[in-house]
């Protein structure tokens, strides 16, 4: 089965997840805290319903494939093909009624990310990529995604979900970059990365990401011509401290300030 066929299947997964999620958005849904004492890490009925639905379709269609999911753990992680699922990336925005969240679906082949999608079912947008190209589909039509040129930090627009998600040392390093850019904004989660791919944002800097937070985004960023690594310039596949940029020049400048 080729990537084109897998892409069609990812669309099916995204549609299924959206159908499970939309009835819960901007309603009085229940929220559980899976973060423990002193740390708020919310999970909702919508998260669980969407991942359950996607897992069921994957098991039915590709019983030999593995699955890595945020809510229900890992199955057959050593399989040649492994699906990576984050049913609602940006749950805090979701429970606040803000649309800056999305469903992340990724496909690994022999451990490497080869396809990814971010689906925003409330707005009706989908961002996808295979590392070689990336596409957008939504209310304004369909088009190829492409990053924009930005050669210097003073010209850059920077996003992070929140500096409060970083350690004190990480925040101090992040502030060095923030003080050097033209504009910084907070929030966005997966949506900010897609805005890099779409050519509206130049830089995203995060810390504390899990693999399911970032693996589906790698083929989108790279497919649009961007770069995504950890703070040392190594692979972003394991999560952790992440830098995504549309232009390699501004990426390198950010890495230097982050202590590479």
Protein backbone atom coordinates (compact mmCIF):
# COMPACT_ATOMS: atom_id res chain seq x y z
CA UNK A 1 0.00 0.00 0.00
CA UNK A 2 1.43 3.37 -1.05
CA UNK A 3 1.39 6.74 0.71
CA UNK A 4 -1.47 7.92 -1.51
CA UNK A 5 -3.64 5.10 -0.18
CA UNK A 6 -2.51 5.76 3.38
CA UNK A 7 -3.37 9.44 2.88
CA UNK A 8 -6.93 8.48 1.97
CA UNK A 9 -7.11 6.35 5.10
CA UNK A 10 -5.82 9.24 7.23
CA UNK A 11 -8.68 11.33 5.85
CA UNK A 12 -11.08 8.62 7.04
CA UNK A 13 -9.49 8.66 10.50
CA UNK A 14 -9.72 12.45 10.66
CA UNK A 15 -13.38 12.42 9.65
CA UNK A 16 -14.14 9.75 12.24
CA UNK A 17 -12.31 11.68 14.97
CA UNK A 18 -14.09 14.91 14.04
CA UNK A 19 -17.48 13.23 14.28
CA UNK A 20 -16.58 12.03 17.77
CA UNK A 21 -15.21 15.39 18.93
CA UNK A 22 -17.55 18.05 17.56
CA UNK A 23 -20.57 17.21 19.77
CA UNK A 24 -18.42 17.93 22.84
CA UNK A 25 -16.89 21.25 21.76
CA UNK A 26 -18.29 24.30 23.58
CA UNK A 27 -20.52 22.15 25.75
CA UNK A 28 -20.48 21.45 29.49
CA UNK A 29 -18.27 18.39 29.10
CA UNK A 30 -16.51 16.64 31.96
CA UNK A 31 -12.78 17.24 32.42
CA UNK A 32 -10.37 14.95 34.28
CA UNK A 33 -6.89 15.95 35.40
CA UNK A 34 -4.32 13.29 34.51
CA UNK A 35 -1.41 15.49 35.60
CA UNK A 36 -1.54 14.75 39.31
CA UNK A 37 -1.16 17.14 42.24
CA UNK A 38 0.08 20.60 41.29
CA UNK A 39 -0.07 20.01 37.53
CA UNK A 40 -3.14 20.46 35.34
CA UNK A 41 -3.09 18.12 32.34
CA UNK A 42 -6.72 17.81 31.24
CA UNK A 43 -8.35 14.98 29.34
CA UNK A 44 -11.98 14.93 28.22
CA UNK A 45 -14.62 12.53 27.00
CA UNK A 46 -13.94 13.91 23.52
CA UNK A 47 -10.24 12.90 23.67
CA UNK A 48 -11.13 9.36 24.68
CA UNK A 49 -14.01 8.98 22.20
CA UNK A 50 -11.94 10.14 19.25
CA UNK A 51 -8.94 7.95 20.01
CA UNK A 52 -11.17 4.93 20.65
CA UNK A 53 -12.82 5.40 17.26
CA UNK A 54 -9.53 5.82 15.41
CA UNK A 55 -7.94 2.81 17.12
CA UNK A 56 -10.91 0.63 16.21
CA UNK A 57 -10.68 1.55 12.51
CA UNK A 58 -6.91 0.99 12.43
CA UNK A 59 -7.25 -2.42 14.09
CA UNK A 60 -9.98 -3.39 11.63
CA UNK A 61 -8.16 -2.16 8.51
CA UNK A 62 -4.52 -2.85 9.42
CA UNK A 63 -4.46 -5.41 12.26
CA UNK A 64 -0.70 -5.89 11.84
CA UNK A 65 0.11 -2.19 12.36
CA UNK A 66 1.23 -0.64 15.63
CA UNK A 67 -0.39 2.30 17.44
CA UNK A 68 0.99 5.01 19.72
CA UNK A 69 -1.79 7.08 21.28
CA UNK A 70 -1.91 9.78 23.91
CA UNK A 71 -4.82 8.35 25.87
CA UNK A 72 -4.55 4.55 25.57
CA UNK A 73 -0.87 3.79 25.25
CA UNK A 74 1.14 1.74 22.81
CA UNK A 75 0.45 -1.41 20.78
CA UNK A 76 3.10 -3.20 18.67
CA UNK A 77 5.56 -0.27 18.62
CA UNK A 78 8.09 -2.41 16.70
CA UNK A 79 5.75 -3.06 13.76
CA UNK A 80 6.96 -1.82 10.33
CA UNK A 81 4.06 0.65 10.26
CA UNK A 82 2.98 2.47 13.42
CA UNK A 83 0.18 5.03 13.75
CA UNK A 84 0.65 8.01 16.07
CA UNK A 85 -2.55 9.54 17.47
CA UNK A 86 -3.20 12.67 19.51
CA UNK A 87 -7.00 13.04 19.41
CA UNK A 88 -7.03 16.62 20.73
CA UNK A 89 -3.73 18.45 20.77
CA UNK A 90 -4.56 21.61 22.66
CA UNK A 91 -7.07 20.25 25.18
CA UNK A 92 -6.70 23.36 27.37
CA UNK A 93 -7.84 25.52 24.45
CA UNK A 94 -10.59 22.99 23.73
CA UNK A 95 -12.08 23.20 27.22
CA UNK A 96 -11.84 27.01 27.06
CA UNK A 97 -13.90 27.07 23.87
CA UNK A 98 -10.99 28.36 21.78
CA UNK A 99 -10.52 26.70 18.34
CA UNK A 100 -6.69 26.55 18.57
CA UNK A 101 -6.60 22.73 18.81
CA UNK A 102 -6.53 19.85 16.38
CA UNK A 103 -6.41 16.11 15.86
CA UNK A 104 -2.91 14.86 15.06
CA UNK A 105 -2.49 11.67 13.02
CA UNK A 106 0.92 10.41 11.97
CA UNK A 107 2.32 7.33 10.26
CA UNK A 108 5.77 5.89 10.97
CA UNK A 109 7.50 3.48 8.61
CA UNK A 110 10.39 1.61 10.22
CA UNK A 111 10.40 4.23 12.97
CA UNK A 112 10.56 7.30 10.71
CA UNK A 113 7.63 9.72 10.22
CA UNK A 114 6.44 9.49 6.61
CA UNK A 115 3.02 11.14 6.74
CA UNK A 116 1.19 13.51 9.05
CA UNK A 117 -2.07 15.41 9.33
CA UNK A 118 -3.49 18.07 11.60
CA UNK A 119 -7.28 18.19 11.32
CA UNK A 120 -9.34 21.02 12.85
CA UNK A 121 -12.90 19.69 12.56
CA UNK A 122 -14.67 22.72 14.02
CA UNK A 123 -13.21 25.10 11.43
CA UNK A 124 -13.02 22.40 8.77
CA UNK A 125 -9.31 22.65 7.99
CA UNK A 126 -6.75 19.93 7.27
CA UNK A 127 -2.99 20.34 6.99
CA UNK A 128 -1.07 17.32 5.70
CA UNK A 129 2.39 16.41 4.48
CA UNK A 130 4.70 13.56 3.53
CA UNK A 131 8.05 15.27 4.01
CA UNK A 132 8.36 16.09 0.31
CA UNK A 133 5.27 18.31 0.00
CA UNK A 134 2.46 19.61 2.18
CA UNK A 135 -1.14 20.60 1.48
CA UNK A 136 -3.99 22.62 2.97
CA UNK A 137 -7.71 21.99 2.54
CA UNK A 138 -10.39 24.09 4.14
CA UNK A 139 -13.15 26.67 3.69
CA UNK A 140 -10.89 28.77 1.44
CA UNK A 141 -10.16 25.84 -0.87
CA UNK A 142 -7.05 23.72 -1.36
CA UNK A 143 -3.47 24.75 -1.93
CA UNK A 144 0.10 23.64 -1.47
CA UNK A 145 1.73 24.78 1.77
CA UNK A 146 5.01 26.68 1.66
CA UNK A 147 7.02 28.40 4.40
CA UNK A 148 8.13 31.98 3.97
CA UNK A 149 11.64 33.44 3.88
CA UNK A 150 12.85 35.03 7.11
CA UNK A 151 16.57 35.51 7.36
CA UNK A 152 16.90 37.21 10.74
CA UNK A 153 15.31 37.01 14.18
CA UNK A 154 14.41 40.75 14.26
CA UNK A 155 12.04 40.05 11.36
CA UNK A 156 10.53 36.89 12.84
CA UNK A 157 7.12 36.07 14.33
CA UNK A 158 7.55 33.61 17.21
CA UNK A 159 4.99 31.33 18.85
CA UNK A 160 5.03 29.16 21.95
CA UNK A 161 2.07 27.53 23.66
CA UNK A 162 3.13 28.98 27.02
CA UNK A 163 6.48 29.76 28.71
CA UNK A 164 4.89 28.38 31.89
CA UNK A 165 5.26 24.90 30.38
CA UNK A 166 9.05 25.35 30.45
CA UNK A 167 11.45 24.99 33.36
CA UNK A 168 12.97 28.14 34.82
CA UNK A 169 16.21 27.53 32.91
CA UNK A 170 14.34 26.86 29.67
CA UNK A 171 12.27 30.04 30.11
CA UNK A 172 15.44 32.10 30.54
CA UNK A 173 16.81 30.74 27.25
CA UNK A 174 13.47 31.21 25.52
CA UNK A 175 13.38 34.85 26.65
CA UNK A 176 16.66 35.45 24.80
CA UNK A 177 14.95 34.48 21.55
CA UNK A 178 11.74 36.28 22.44
CA UNK A 179 13.64 39.50 23.10
CA UNK A 180 15.29 39.23 19.67
CA UNK A 181 12.20 38.72 17.51
CA UNK A 182 9.80 41.25 16.03
CA UNK A 183 6.70 39.74 17.64
CA UNK A 184 5.91 36.85 19.98
CA UNK A 185 2.53 35.27 20.63
CA UNK A 186 1.35 32.58 23.05
CA UNK A 187 -1.07 29.71 22.43
CA UNK A 188 -1.68 27.62 19.37
CA UNK A 189 -0.33 24.17 20.22
CA UNK A 190 -0.30 22.18 16.95
CA UNK A 191 -1.98 25.04 15.10
CA UNK A 192 1.11 27.25 15.44
CA UNK A 193 3.25 24.64 13.67
CA UNK A 194 0.78 24.52 10.80
CA UNK A 195 1.00 28.29 10.54
CA UNK A 196 4.75 27.88 10.04
CA UNK A 197 4.02 25.47 7.20
CA UNK A 198 1.46 27.91 5.77
CA UNK A 199 3.94 30.81 5.76
CA UNK A 200 2.38 33.00 8.46
CA UNK A 201 4.65 32.21 11.42
CA UNK A 202 8.44 31.97 11.34
CA UNK A 203 9.36 30.16 14.53
CA UNK A 204 7.82 27.89 17.18
CA UNK A 205 9.74 27.05 20.36
CA UNK A 206 8.41 24.51 22.87
CA UNK A 207 9.57 22.27 25.71
CA UNK A 208 8.19 19.13 27.32
CA UNK A 209 6.55 17.68 24.21
CA UNK A 210 5.74 13.98 23.94
CA UNK A 211 6.42 12.07 20.68
CA UNK A 212 2.71 12.08 19.82
CA UNK A 213 2.74 15.89 20.07
CA UNK A 214 5.34 16.29 17.37
CA UNK A 215 5.71 13.20 15.14
CA UNK A 216 2.62 13.93 12.98
CA UNK A 217 3.82 17.53 12.48
CA UNK A 218 7.31 16.68 11.18
CA UNK A 219 6.21 15.63 7.64
CA UNK A 220 4.01 18.75 7.41
CA UNK A 221 6.76 21.20 8.41
CA UNK A 222 9.41 19.51 6.26
CA UNK A 223 7.00 19.02 3.36
CA UNK A 224 6.37 22.77 3.31
CA UNK A 225 10.11 23.47 3.18
CA UNK A 226 10.70 24.12 6.87
CA UNK A 227 12.90 22.57 9.54
CA UNK A 228 12.03 21.05 12.90
CA UNK A 229 14.58 19.77 15.44
CA UNK A 230 15.25 19.71 19.16
CA UNK A 231 17.12 22.59 20.83
CA UNK A 232 20.45 20.96 19.96
CA UNK A 233 19.60 20.66 16.27
CA UNK A 234 19.01 16.91 16.45
CA UNK A 235 15.92 14.90 15.50
CA UNK A 236 12.59 16.10 16.91
CA UNK A 237 11.11 12.59 16.78
CA UNK A 238 11.48 11.90 20.51
CA UNK A 239 9.77 15.13 21.54
CA UNK A 240 11.18 17.19 24.38
CA UNK A 241 12.46 20.67 23.56
CA UNK A 242 11.46 21.56 20.00
CA UNK A 243 12.25 24.33 17.51
CA UNK A 244 10.33 24.58 14.24
CA UNK A 245 11.12 27.24 11.66
CA UNK A 246 10.27 28.14 8.12
CA UNK A 247 13.76 29.38 7.30
CA UNK A 248 16.99 27.55 8.18
CA UNK A 249 18.74 30.84 8.87
CA UNK A 250 16.37 31.95 11.62
CA UNK A 251 16.33 28.39 12.96
CA UNK A 252 20.12 28.45 13.37
CA UNK A 253 20.03 31.86 15.07
CA UNK A 254 17.41 30.61 17.53
CA UNK A 255 19.45 27.47 18.33
CA UNK A 256 22.48 29.59 19.23
CA UNK A 257 20.45 31.64 21.73
CA UNK A 258 18.92 28.46 23.15
CA UNK A 259 22.36 27.21 24.12
CA UNK A 260 23.20 24.82 21.33
